[in-house]
Amino acid sequence: MSPSMTVLDPTDESRPTARQRAPRLDALAGRRIGLLDISKARGDVFLDRLAEHLGERGAHIERLRKPTFSRPAPADLRQEIATRCDAVIEALAD
């Protein structure tokens, strides 16, 4: 008898929403890149290093932070990202 495994989806979507991918940026120089810290331990360490690399390529960095990792980003933070950033990178860490 083979063991079974149950995989749980933490997003609580009974039917996942189909989402179209945003187009890639043609270049980083001069673009505003949002670095979103979701408030997990050491996520800021990853984002600090990433900010260095992106800055070397001419990107302007916007640092953003969710109040807690256990909930989706608040609507006002999502709106801020959408209006201020050309792209966003979210950090997950532990």
N, C-alpha and C. Protein backbone atom coordinates (compact mmCIF):
# COMPACT_ATOMS: atom_id res chain seq x y z
N MET A 1 0.84 -1.17 0.00
CA MET A 1 0.00 0.00 0.00
C MET A 1 0.89 1.25 0.00
N SER A 2 0.63 2.19 -0.89
CA SER A 2 1.43 3.41 -0.96
C SER A 2 0.82 4.47 -0.05
N PRO A 3 1.68 5.30 0.57
CA PRO A 3 1.16 6.36 1.43
C PRO A 3 0.46 7.43 0.60
N SER A 4 -0.52 8.06 1.17
CA SER A 4 -1.21 9.15 0.46
C SER A 4 -0.81 10.48 1.08
N MET A 5 -1.00 11.53 0.31
CA MET A 5 -0.65 12.86 0.77
C MET A 5 -1.79 13.80 0.40
N THR A 6 -2.15 14.66 1.33
CA THR A 6 -3.15 15.69 1.09
C THR A 6 -2.44 17.02 1.01
N VAL A 7 -2.68 17.77 -0.05
CA VAL A 7 -2.10 19.10 -0.22
C VAL A 7 -3.21 20.11 -0.02
N LEU A 8 -2.99 21.05 0.89
CA LEU A 8 -3.99 22.07 1.18
C LEU A 8 -3.59 23.39 0.54
N ASP A 9 -4.56 24.10 0.03
CA ASP A 9 -4.34 25.40 -0.58
C ASP A 9 -4.74 26.47 0.43
N PRO A 10 -3.77 27.27 0.93
CA PRO A 10 -4.09 28.25 1.97
C PRO A 10 -4.80 29.50 1.47
N THR A 11 -5.05 29.61 0.18
CA THR A 11 -5.66 30.83 -0.35
C THR A 11 -7.17 30.88 -0.18
N ASP A 12 -7.78 29.78 0.20
CA ASP A 12 -9.22 29.73 0.42
C ASP A 12 -10.01 30.11 -0.83
N GLU A 13 -9.51 29.73 -1.98
CA GLU A 13 -10.24 29.95 -3.23
C GLU A 13 -10.83 28.61 -3.66
N SER A 14 -12.14 28.50 -3.62
CA SER A 14 -12.75 27.25 -4.04
C SER A 14 -12.60 27.05 -5.55
N ARG A 15 -12.58 28.14 -6.28
CA ARG A 15 -12.27 28.10 -7.72
C ARG A 15 -11.26 29.20 -7.98
N PRO A 16 -10.00 28.86 -8.18
CA PRO A 16 -8.96 29.88 -8.36
C PRO A 16 -9.29 30.82 -9.52
N THR A 17 -9.00 32.08 -9.32
CA THR A 17 -9.23 33.10 -10.32
C THR A 17 -8.13 33.01 -11.38
N ALA A 18 -8.52 32.99 -12.64
CA ALA A 18 -7.54 33.00 -13.73
C ALA A 18 -6.96 34.41 -13.82
N ARG A 19 -5.65 34.49 -13.81
CA ARG A 19 -4.99 35.79 -13.87
C ARG A 19 -4.01 35.80 -15.03
N GLN A 20 -4.01 36.88 -15.77
CA GLN A 20 -3.09 37.02 -16.88
C GLN A 20 -1.80 37.64 -16.35
N ARG A 21 -0.67 37.14 -16.80
CA ARG A 21 0.61 37.69 -16.38
C ARG A 21 0.81 39.07 -16.97
N ALA A 22 1.41 39.94 -16.16
CA ALA A 22 1.76 41.27 -16.65
C ALA A 22 2.97 41.14 -17.58
N PRO A 23 3.08 42.00 -18.57
CA PRO A 23 4.25 41.92 -19.45
C PRO A 23 5.53 42.27 -18.70
N ARG A 24 6.63 41.65 -19.11
CA ARG A 24 7.93 41.94 -18.51
C ARG A 24 8.37 43.35 -18.86
N LEU A 25 9.13 43.95 -17.96
CA LEU A 25 9.72 45.25 -18.26
C LEU A 25 10.81 45.07 -19.30
N ASP A 26 10.95 46.02 -20.20
CA ASP A 26 11.99 45.93 -21.22
C ASP A 26 13.37 46.24 -20.66
N ALA A 27 13.43 46.99 -19.55
CA ALA A 27 14.70 47.34 -18.90
C ALA A 27 14.41 47.75 -17.47
N LEU A 28 15.44 47.73 -16.63
CA LEU A 28 15.29 48.17 -15.25
C LEU A 28 15.68 49.62 -15.04
N ALA A 29 16.59 50.12 -15.85
CA ALA A 29 17.10 51.48 -15.69
C ALA A 29 15.95 52.48 -15.75
N GLY A 30 15.86 53.31 -14.72
CA GLY A 30 14.84 54.34 -14.68
C GLY A 30 13.47 53.86 -14.23
N ARG A 31 13.30 52.58 -14.01
CA ARG A 31 11.99 52.04 -13.59
C ARG A 31 11.90 52.02 -12.08
N ARG A 32 10.69 52.18 -11.57
CA ARG A 32 10.45 52.16 -10.13
C ARG A 32 9.99 50.75 -9.74
N ILE A 33 10.83 50.08 -8.95
CA ILE A 33 10.57 48.70 -8.54
C ILE A 33 10.20 48.68 -7.06
N GLY A 34 9.02 48.17 -6.77
CA GLY A 34 8.57 48.04 -5.39
C GLY A 34 9.09 46.74 -4.80
N LEU A 35 9.68 46.82 -3.62
CA LEU A 35 10.13 45.63 -2.89
C LEU A 35 9.22 45.50 -1.68
N LEU A 36 8.36 44.49 -1.71
CA LEU A 36 7.34 44.31 -0.68
C LEU A 36 7.79 43.29 0.35
N ASP A 37 8.00 43.76 1.56
CA ASP A 37 8.33 42.90 2.69
C ASP A 37 7.00 42.45 3.30
N ILE A 38 6.77 41.15 3.39
CA ILE A 38 5.49 40.68 3.92
C ILE A 38 5.53 40.49 5.43
N SER A 39 6.60 40.93 6.07
CA SER A 39 6.75 40.89 7.53
C SER A 39 7.07 39.51 8.08
N LYS A 40 7.72 38.69 7.29
CA LYS A 40 8.24 37.42 7.81
C LYS A 40 9.71 37.63 8.16
N ALA A 41 10.17 36.83 9.08
CA ALA A 41 11.55 36.95 9.55
C ALA A 41 12.54 36.83 8.40
N ARG A 42 13.50 37.75 8.34
CA ARG A 42 14.61 37.78 7.40
C ARG A 42 14.22 38.15 5.97
N GLY A 43 12.97 38.46 5.72
CA GLY A 43 12.58 38.93 4.38
C GLY A 43 13.30 40.21 4.03
N ASP A 44 13.52 41.07 5.04
CA ASP A 44 14.22 42.33 4.80
C ASP A 44 15.67 42.11 4.38
N VAL A 45 16.29 41.05 4.87
CA VAL A 45 17.67 40.73 4.50
C VAL A 45 17.75 40.43 3.00
N PHE A 46 16.83 39.62 2.52
CA PHE A 46 16.76 39.31 1.09
C PHE A 46 16.52 40.57 0.27
N LEU A 47 15.56 41.40 0.71
CA LEU A 47 15.22 42.60 -0.03
C LEU A 47 16.35 43.62 -0.03
N ASP A 48 17.11 43.71 1.06
CA ASP A 48 18.26 44.61 1.10
C ASP A 48 19.25 44.24 0.00
N ARG A 49 19.53 42.97 -0.11
CA ARG A 49 20.49 42.50 -1.13
C ARG A 49 19.95 42.72 -2.53
N LEU A 50 18.68 42.43 -2.71
CA LEU A 50 18.04 42.63 -4.01
C LEU A 50 18.04 44.11 -4.40
N ALA A 51 17.81 44.99 -3.44
CA ALA A 51 17.82 46.43 -3.70
C ALA A 51 19.19 46.87 -4.22
N GLU A 52 20.25 46.31 -3.66
CA GLU A 52 21.60 46.63 -4.13
C GLU A 52 21.76 46.26 -5.60
N HIS A 53 21.37 45.04 -5.94
CA HIS A 53 21.52 44.56 -7.32
C HIS A 53 20.67 45.37 -8.30
N LEU A 54 19.45 45.66 -7.93
CA LEU A 54 18.57 46.42 -8.82
C LEU A 54 19.06 47.85 -8.97
N GLY A 55 19.55 48.44 -7.88
CA GLY A 55 20.10 49.79 -7.93
C GLY A 55 21.29 49.88 -8.86
N GLU A 56 22.13 48.85 -8.87
CA GLU A 56 23.29 48.81 -9.77
C GLU A 56 22.85 48.80 -11.23
N ARG A 57 21.64 48.37 -11.48
CA ARG A 57 21.12 48.31 -12.85
C ARG A 57 20.24 49.52 -13.17
N GLY A 58 20.28 50.53 -12.29
CA GLY A 58 19.60 51.79 -12.57
C GLY A 58 18.15 51.88 -12.13
N ALA A 59 17.66 50.89 -11.40
CA ALA A 59 16.27 50.91 -10.93
C ALA A 59 16.14 51.83 -9.71
N HIS A 60 15.00 52.47 -9.60
CA HIS A 60 14.65 53.25 -8.41
C HIS A 60 13.83 52.33 -7.51
N ILE A 61 14.22 52.23 -6.25
CA ILE A 61 13.61 51.26 -5.35
C ILE A 61 12.60 51.92 -4.42
N GLU A 62 11.43 51.31 -4.31
CA GLU A 62 10.40 51.71 -3.34
C GLU A 62 10.28 50.56 -2.34
N ARG A 63 10.56 50.81 -1.07
CA ARG A 63 10.42 49.78 -0.04
C ARG A 63 9.02 49.88 0.56
N LEU A 64 8.34 48.75 0.62
CA LEU A 64 6.97 48.68 1.13
C LEU A 64 6.89 47.51 2.10
N ARG A 65 5.94 47.56 3.02
CA ARG A 65 5.84 46.49 4.02
C ARG A 65 4.38 46.23 4.38
N LYS A 66 4.01 44.95 4.38
CA LYS A 66 2.69 44.56 4.86
C LYS A 66 2.69 44.59 6.38
N PRO A 67 1.54 44.89 7.00
CA PRO A 67 1.49 44.88 8.46
C PRO A 67 1.72 43.49 9.06
N THR A 68 1.27 42.45 8.37
CA THR A 68 1.42 41.08 8.85
C THR A 68 1.44 40.12 7.68
N PHE A 69 2.19 39.04 7.81
CA PHE A 69 2.25 38.06 6.72
C PHE A 69 1.01 37.19 6.65
N SER A 70 0.23 37.16 7.70
CA SER A 70 -0.90 36.22 7.76
C SER A 70 -2.16 36.71 7.05
N ARG A 71 -2.14 37.92 6.55
CA ARG A 71 -3.31 38.45 5.84
C ARG A 71 -2.88 39.09 4.52
N PRO A 72 -3.80 39.18 3.57
CA PRO A 72 -3.47 39.87 2.32
C PRO A 72 -3.10 41.33 2.59
N ALA A 73 -2.38 41.91 1.67
CA ALA A 73 -2.01 43.33 1.79
C ALA A 73 -3.29 44.17 1.82
N PRO A 74 -3.34 45.18 2.69
CA PRO A 74 -4.52 46.04 2.73
C PRO A 74 -4.73 46.76 1.40
N ALA A 75 -5.96 47.13 1.13
CA ALA A 75 -6.31 47.77 -0.14
C ALA A 75 -5.50 49.04 -0.39
N ASP A 76 -5.26 49.84 0.65
CA ASP A 76 -4.50 51.07 0.45
C ASP A 76 -3.05 50.79 0.07
N LEU A 77 -2.46 49.73 0.61
CA LEU A 77 -1.10 49.35 0.23
C LEU A 77 -1.07 48.84 -1.21
N ARG A 78 -2.04 48.04 -1.59
CA ARG A 78 -2.12 47.55 -2.98
C ARG A 78 -2.27 48.72 -3.95
N GLN A 79 -3.08 49.71 -3.58
CA GLN A 79 -3.27 50.89 -4.42
C GLN A 79 -1.97 51.69 -4.53
N GLU A 80 -1.26 51.82 -3.43
CA GLU A 80 0.02 52.53 -3.43
C GLU A 80 1.02 51.84 -4.37
N ILE A 81 1.08 50.53 -4.29
CA ILE A 81 1.97 49.78 -5.18
C ILE A 81 1.59 49.99 -6.63
N ALA A 82 0.30 49.91 -6.92
CA ALA A 82 -0.17 50.05 -8.30
C ALA A 82 0.11 51.43 -8.88
N THR A 83 0.06 52.46 -8.06
CA THR A 83 0.25 53.81 -8.58
C THR A 83 1.71 54.26 -8.57
N ARG A 84 2.53 53.70 -7.68
CA ARG A 84 3.91 54.17 -7.55
C ARG A 84 4.95 53.28 -8.23
N CYS A 85 4.60 52.05 -8.57
CA CYS A 85 5.62 51.09 -9.02
C CYS A 85 5.34 50.57 -10.42
N ASP A 86 6.44 50.38 -11.17
CA ASP A 86 6.34 49.74 -12.48
C ASP A 86 6.30 48.22 -12.36
N ALA A 87 6.88 47.72 -11.26
CA ALA A 87 6.88 46.27 -10.98
C ALA A 87 7.05 46.10 -9.48
N VAL A 88 6.70 44.94 -8.97
CA VAL A 88 6.85 44.67 -7.54
C VAL A 88 7.42 43.26 -7.35
N ILE A 89 8.28 43.15 -6.35
CA ILE A 89 8.86 41.86 -5.95
C ILE A 89 8.50 41.67 -4.49
N GLU A 90 7.95 40.50 -4.17
CA GLU A 90 7.51 40.20 -2.82
C GLU A 90 8.50 39.22 -2.19
N ALA A 91 8.91 39.48 -0.95
CA ALA A 91 9.88 38.62 -0.27
C ALA A 91 9.18 37.67 0.68
N LEU A 92 9.51 36.42 0.56
CA LEU A 92 9.08 35.40 1.51
C LEU A 92 10.34 34.84 2.16
N ALA A 93 10.34 34.70 3.46
CA ALA A 93 11.52 34.16 4.14
C ALA A 93 11.13 33.65 5.51
N ASP A 94 12.02 32.91 6.09
CA ASP A 94 11.92 32.43 7.47
C ASP A 94 13.29 32.08 7.95
